[in-house]
Amino acid sequence: MKKNLLFVIPMVIIAVLLFTLKATGITVHIVVSVLGLLTLVAYAVATKKEWKLPALEILQRVCYAIALITGVVLMNVSGIAAIAIVHKVSAVLFALMFVVTEMHKAVKK
């Protein structure tokens, strides 16, 4: 439970900051996305044996990776709407799966 709280609180803050790009700006968006990546990796290493829904946990991290990669591509290539759509959809899917997995963990405790 303690590991979950140490992960959930920073990830909620990170997710909120990432979804407020217009208010924070691109520099903060980039820094926060890297912090999110580091947080996800650290949490995955610390709790891999405790995953309640392994497929959803992996898919959640894949969606974050897709959002991160397409975000990097968007910084270098402009004018391709499909990449922007994939970036936004994967970010929303990550957020939804994050909520579902963490709620499932909270209920199962």
N, C-alpha and C. Protein backbone atom coordinates (compact mmCIF):
# COMPACT_ATOMS: atom_id res chain seq x y z
N MET A 1 0.82 -1.19 0.00
CA MET A 1 0.00 0.00 0.00
C MET A 1 0.87 1.25 0.00
N LYS A 2 1.95 1.22 0.78
CA LYS A 2 2.83 2.39 0.88
C LYS A 2 3.47 2.68 -0.48
N LYS A 3 3.90 1.61 -1.19
CA LYS A 3 4.50 1.80 -2.51
C LYS A 3 3.49 2.42 -3.48
N ASN A 4 2.25 1.97 -3.37
CA ASN A 4 1.21 2.50 -4.25
C ASN A 4 1.00 3.99 -4.01
N LEU A 5 0.94 4.40 -2.76
CA LEU A 5 0.75 5.82 -2.45
C LEU A 5 1.95 6.65 -2.90
N LEU A 6 3.15 6.11 -2.75
CA LEU A 6 4.34 6.82 -3.20
C LEU A 6 4.37 6.96 -4.71
N PHE A 7 3.63 6.11 -5.40
CA PHE A 7 3.55 6.19 -6.85
C PHE A 7 2.34 6.99 -7.31
N VAL A 8 1.20 6.75 -6.71
CA VAL A 8 -0.05 7.36 -7.17
C VAL A 8 -0.02 8.88 -7.05
N ILE A 9 0.41 9.38 -5.93
CA ILE A 9 0.38 10.83 -5.72
C ILE A 9 1.26 11.56 -6.74
N PRO A 10 2.54 11.16 -6.94
CA PRO A 10 3.32 11.85 -7.97
C PRO A 10 2.75 11.67 -9.37
N MET A 11 2.21 10.48 -9.68
CA MET A 11 1.69 10.26 -11.04
C MET A 11 0.43 11.07 -11.29
N VAL A 12 -0.38 11.28 -10.29
CA VAL A 12 -1.56 12.13 -10.46
C VAL A 12 -1.11 13.56 -10.75
N ILE A 13 -0.14 14.04 -9.99
CA ILE A 13 0.39 15.39 -10.22
C ILE A 13 1.00 15.50 -11.61
N ILE A 14 1.78 14.49 -12.00
CA ILE A 14 2.40 14.48 -13.32
C ILE A 14 1.34 14.46 -14.41
N ALA A 15 0.32 13.62 -14.27
CA ALA A 15 -0.74 13.55 -15.28
C ALA A 15 -1.48 14.87 -15.42
N VAL A 16 -1.78 15.49 -14.30
CA VAL A 16 -2.48 16.79 -14.35
C VAL A 16 -1.60 17.82 -15.07
N LEU A 17 -0.33 17.86 -14.72
CA LEU A 17 0.57 18.82 -15.38
C LEU A 17 0.71 18.53 -16.87
N LEU A 18 0.74 17.25 -17.24
CA LEU A 18 0.87 16.91 -18.66
C LEU A 18 -0.38 17.29 -19.46
N PHE A 19 -1.54 17.19 -18.82
CA PHE A 19 -2.77 17.53 -19.52
C PHE A 19 -3.06 19.04 -19.53
N THR A 20 -2.20 19.82 -18.87
CA THR A 20 -2.37 21.27 -18.87
C THR A 20 -1.23 21.94 -19.65
N LEU A 21 -0.93 21.43 -20.81
CA LEU A 21 0.16 21.94 -21.64
C LEU A 21 0.00 23.42 -21.93
N LYS A 22 -1.18 23.86 -22.23
CA LYS A 22 -1.40 25.27 -22.57
C LYS A 22 -1.02 26.18 -21.40
N ALA A 23 -1.22 25.73 -20.19
CA ALA A 23 -0.91 26.55 -19.02
C ALA A 23 0.56 26.45 -18.61
N THR A 24 1.15 25.27 -18.79
CA THR A 24 2.52 25.07 -18.30
C THR A 24 3.59 25.40 -19.33
N GLY A 25 3.29 25.19 -20.60
CA GLY A 25 4.29 25.42 -21.65
C GLY A 25 5.03 24.14 -22.01
N ILE A 26 5.70 24.17 -23.13
CA ILE A 26 6.33 22.97 -23.67
C ILE A 26 7.55 22.53 -22.85
N THR A 27 8.31 23.47 -22.31
CA THR A 27 9.49 23.09 -21.53
C THR A 27 9.10 22.30 -20.29
N VAL A 28 8.11 22.79 -19.57
CA VAL A 28 7.62 22.07 -18.38
C VAL A 28 7.02 20.74 -18.81
N HIS A 29 6.34 20.70 -19.93
CA HIS A 29 5.72 19.48 -20.45
C HIS A 29 6.80 18.41 -20.68
N ILE A 30 7.90 18.80 -21.25
CA ILE A 30 8.99 17.85 -21.54
C ILE A 30 9.60 17.35 -20.24
N VAL A 31 9.91 18.26 -19.33
CA VAL A 31 10.52 17.86 -18.06
C VAL A 31 9.60 16.95 -17.27
N VAL A 32 8.33 17.29 -17.22
CA VAL A 32 7.37 16.49 -16.46
C VAL A 32 7.19 15.12 -17.11
N SER A 33 7.21 15.03 -18.43
CA SER A 33 7.06 13.73 -19.08
C SER A 33 8.26 12.82 -18.79
N VAL A 34 9.45 13.39 -18.70
CA VAL A 34 10.63 12.59 -18.34
C VAL A 34 10.53 12.15 -16.88
N LEU A 35 10.08 13.04 -16.00
CA LEU A 35 9.87 12.66 -14.60
C LEU A 35 8.83 11.54 -14.49
N GLY A 36 7.79 11.61 -15.31
CA GLY A 36 6.78 10.55 -15.34
C GLY A 36 7.36 9.23 -15.78
N LEU A 37 8.22 9.28 -16.78
CA LEU A 37 8.88 8.06 -17.26
C LEU A 37 9.73 7.45 -16.16
N LEU A 38 10.52 8.28 -15.49
CA LEU A 38 11.36 7.78 -14.40
C LEU A 38 10.51 7.19 -13.26
N THR A 39 9.42 7.84 -12.96
CA THR A 39 8.52 7.36 -11.91
C THR A 39 7.91 6.02 -12.30
N LEU A 40 7.47 5.89 -13.54
CA LEU A 40 6.89 4.63 -14.01
C LEU A 40 7.90 3.49 -13.97
N VAL A 41 9.11 3.77 -14.40
CA VAL A 41 10.14 2.73 -14.41
C VAL A 41 10.48 2.30 -12.99
N ALA A 42 10.67 3.27 -12.10
CA ALA A 42 11.00 2.94 -10.71
C ALA A 42 9.88 2.13 -10.06
N TYR A 43 8.64 2.51 -10.30
CA TYR A 43 7.51 1.80 -9.72
C TYR A 43 7.39 0.39 -10.30
N ALA A 44 7.62 0.26 -11.59
CA ALA A 44 7.54 -1.06 -12.23
C ALA A 44 8.59 -2.01 -11.65
N VAL A 45 9.80 -1.50 -11.45
CA VAL A 45 10.86 -2.32 -10.89
C VAL A 45 10.54 -2.70 -9.44
N ALA A 46 10.01 -1.76 -8.68
CA ALA A 46 9.74 -2.01 -7.26
C ALA A 46 8.55 -2.92 -7.01
N THR A 47 7.59 -2.95 -7.92
CA THR A 47 6.34 -3.67 -7.62
C THR A 47 5.93 -4.71 -8.66
N LYS A 48 6.82 -5.10 -9.54
CA LYS A 48 6.42 -6.00 -10.63
C LYS A 48 5.76 -7.28 -10.12
N LYS A 49 6.22 -7.81 -9.02
CA LYS A 49 5.66 -9.07 -8.50
C LYS A 49 4.29 -8.86 -7.85
N GLU A 50 3.92 -7.61 -7.59
CA GLU A 50 2.65 -7.31 -6.92
C GLU A 50 1.55 -6.87 -7.89
N TRP A 51 1.80 -6.89 -9.18
CA TRP A 51 0.81 -6.44 -10.14
C TRP A 51 -0.43 -7.31 -10.06
N LYS A 52 -1.60 -6.67 -9.94
CA LYS A 52 -2.86 -7.40 -9.86
C LYS A 52 -3.41 -7.72 -11.26
N LEU A 53 -3.20 -6.81 -12.19
CA LEU A 53 -3.64 -6.98 -13.58
C LEU A 53 -2.43 -6.77 -14.49
N PRO A 54 -1.57 -7.78 -14.65
CA PRO A 54 -0.31 -7.59 -15.38
C PRO A 54 -0.48 -7.08 -16.81
N ALA A 55 -1.46 -7.59 -17.53
CA ALA A 55 -1.65 -7.15 -18.91
C ALA A 55 -2.00 -5.66 -18.97
N LEU A 56 -2.86 -5.23 -18.07
CA LEU A 56 -3.26 -3.83 -18.04
C LEU A 56 -2.11 -2.93 -17.57
N GLU A 57 -1.30 -3.42 -16.65
CA GLU A 57 -0.13 -2.67 -16.18
C GLU A 57 0.86 -2.46 -17.34
N ILE A 58 1.09 -3.52 -18.10
CA ILE A 58 2.00 -3.43 -19.24
C ILE A 58 1.42 -2.51 -20.30
N LEU A 59 0.16 -2.67 -20.62
CA LEU A 59 -0.49 -1.83 -21.63
C LEU A 59 -0.49 -0.36 -21.21
N GLN A 60 -0.66 -0.11 -19.93
CA GLN A 60 -0.61 1.26 -19.41
C GLN A 60 0.76 1.87 -19.70
N ARG A 61 1.82 1.14 -19.44
CA ARG A 61 3.17 1.64 -19.68
C ARG A 61 3.47 1.78 -21.17
N VAL A 62 2.91 0.90 -21.98
CA VAL A 62 3.07 1.01 -23.43
C VAL A 62 2.41 2.28 -23.94
N CYS A 63 1.23 2.59 -23.44
CA CYS A 63 0.55 3.83 -23.84
C CYS A 63 1.36 5.05 -23.45
N TYR A 64 1.97 5.03 -22.27
CA TYR A 64 2.82 6.16 -21.86
C TYR A 64 4.01 6.28 -22.80
N ALA A 65 4.61 5.13 -23.15
CA ALA A 65 5.75 5.15 -24.06
C ALA A 65 5.36 5.68 -25.44
N ILE A 66 4.20 5.27 -25.93
CA ILE A 66 3.72 5.77 -27.23
C ILE A 66 3.50 7.27 -27.17
N ALA A 67 2.90 7.74 -26.09
CA ALA A 67 2.68 9.18 -25.93
C ALA A 67 4.02 9.92 -25.88
N LEU A 68 4.99 9.35 -25.19
CA LEU A 68 6.31 9.97 -25.08
C LEU A 68 7.01 10.01 -26.44
N ILE A 69 6.99 8.90 -27.15
CA ILE A 69 7.66 8.82 -28.45
C ILE A 69 6.98 9.74 -29.46
N THR A 70 5.67 9.71 -29.52
CA THR A 70 4.99 10.58 -30.48
C THR A 70 5.16 12.05 -30.10
N GLY A 71 5.30 12.33 -28.81
CA GLY A 71 5.58 13.70 -28.38
C GLY A 71 6.93 14.17 -28.88
N VAL A 72 7.93 13.30 -28.82
CA VAL A 72 9.26 13.64 -29.35
C VAL A 72 9.19 13.85 -30.86
N VAL A 73 8.44 13.00 -31.53
CA VAL A 73 8.28 13.15 -32.98
C VAL A 73 7.58 14.47 -33.30
N LEU A 74 6.57 14.82 -32.53
CA LEU A 74 5.84 16.08 -32.76
C LEU A 74 6.74 17.30 -32.60
N MET A 75 7.74 17.20 -31.70
CA MET A 75 8.66 18.33 -31.53
C MET A 75 9.52 18.53 -32.77
N ASN A 76 9.82 17.44 -33.47
CA ASN A 76 10.72 17.51 -34.62
C ASN A 76 10.00 17.62 -35.96
N VAL A 77 8.77 17.18 -36.02
CA VAL A 77 8.00 17.19 -37.26
C VAL A 77 6.66 17.87 -36.97
N SER A 78 6.35 18.86 -37.74
CA SER A 78 5.06 19.53 -37.53
C SER A 78 4.16 19.34 -38.74
N GLY A 79 2.88 19.46 -38.52
CA GLY A 79 1.94 19.40 -39.62
C GLY A 79 1.38 18.02 -39.92
N ILE A 80 1.71 17.02 -39.11
CA ILE A 80 1.17 15.68 -39.34
C ILE A 80 0.12 15.42 -38.25
N ALA A 81 -1.11 15.53 -38.63
CA ALA A 81 -2.22 15.42 -37.69
C ALA A 81 -2.32 14.03 -37.07
N ALA A 82 -1.98 13.01 -37.84
CA ALA A 82 -2.12 11.64 -37.34
C ALA A 82 -1.23 11.41 -36.11
N ILE A 83 -0.04 11.99 -36.12
CA ILE A 83 0.87 11.82 -34.98
C ILE A 83 0.30 12.52 -33.76
N ALA A 84 -0.25 13.70 -33.96
CA ALA A 84 -0.85 14.44 -32.84
C ALA A 84 -2.04 13.68 -32.27
N ILE A 85 -2.82 13.06 -33.13
CA ILE A 85 -3.98 12.28 -32.68
C ILE A 85 -3.52 11.06 -31.88
N VAL A 86 -2.52 10.34 -32.39
CA VAL A 86 -1.99 9.18 -31.68
C VAL A 86 -1.43 9.60 -30.32
N HIS A 87 -0.76 10.74 -30.28
CA HIS A 87 -0.19 11.26 -29.03
C HIS A 87 -1.30 11.50 -28.00
N LYS A 88 -2.34 12.17 -28.42
CA LYS A 88 -3.43 12.50 -27.49
C LYS A 88 -4.22 11.27 -27.07
N VAL A 89 -4.50 10.39 -28.00
CA VAL A 89 -5.26 9.17 -27.69
C VAL A 89 -4.47 8.29 -26.73
N SER A 90 -3.18 8.11 -26.98
CA SER A 90 -2.39 7.26 -26.08
C SER A 90 -2.26 7.90 -24.70
N ALA A 91 -2.20 9.22 -24.62
CA ALA A 91 -2.14 9.89 -23.32
C ALA A 91 -3.45 9.68 -22.55
N VAL A 92 -4.57 9.79 -23.22
CA VAL A 92 -5.86 9.57 -22.56
C VAL A 92 -6.01 8.11 -22.15
N LEU A 93 -5.59 7.18 -23.01
CA LEU A 93 -5.66 5.76 -22.66
C LEU A 93 -4.78 5.46 -21.45
N PHE A 94 -3.60 6.06 -21.40
CA PHE A 94 -2.74 5.88 -20.23
C PHE A 94 -3.46 6.34 -18.97
N ALA A 95 -4.04 7.53 -19.03
CA ALA A 95 -4.71 8.09 -17.86
C ALA A 95 -5.88 7.20 -17.41
N LEU A 96 -6.64 6.71 -18.37
CA LEU A 96 -7.77 5.83 -18.03
C LEU A 96 -7.30 4.52 -17.40
N MET A 97 -6.28 3.92 -17.99
CA MET A 97 -5.77 2.66 -17.45
C MET A 97 -5.11 2.87 -16.10
N PHE A 98 -4.48 4.01 -15.91
CA PHE A 98 -3.89 4.34 -14.61
C PHE A 98 -4.97 4.37 -13.54
N VAL A 99 -6.06 5.04 -13.83
CA VAL A 99 -7.17 5.13 -12.87
C VAL A 99 -7.74 3.74 -12.60
N VAL A 100 -7.96 2.96 -13.64
CA VAL A 100 -8.55 1.62 -13.47
C VAL A 100 -7.63 0.72 -12.65
N THR A 101 -6.35 0.68 -12.97
CA THR A 101 -5.45 -0.21 -12.24
C THR A 101 -5.30 0.21 -10.78
N GLU A 102 -5.19 1.50 -10.54
CA GLU A 102 -5.02 1.95 -9.16
C GLU A 102 -6.31 1.77 -8.35
N MET A 103 -7.46 1.96 -8.97
CA MET A 103 -8.73 1.70 -8.27
C MET A 103 -8.86 0.21 -7.96
N HIS A 104 -8.46 -0.62 -8.90
CA HIS A 104 -8.53 -2.07 -8.70
C HIS A 104 -7.63 -2.47 -7.53
N LYS A 105 -6.44 -1.89 -7.46
CA LYS A 105 -5.53 -2.20 -6.35
C LYS A 105 -6.11 -1.73 -5.02
N ALA A 106 -6.73 -0.57 -5.01
CA ALA A 106 -7.30 -0.03 -3.78
C ALA A 106 -8.47 -0.88 -3.29
N VAL A 107 -9.27 -1.38 -4.21
CA VAL A 107 -10.44 -2.19 -3.85
C VAL A 107 -10.00 -3.58 -3.38
N LYS A 108 -8.97 -4.13 -4.00
CA LYS A 108 -8.52 -5.48 -3.67
C LYS A 108 -7.72 -5.55 -2.38
N LYS A 109 -7.30 -4.46 -1.83
CA LYS A 109 -6.48 -4.47 -0.60
C LYS A 109 -7.26 -4.87 0.58
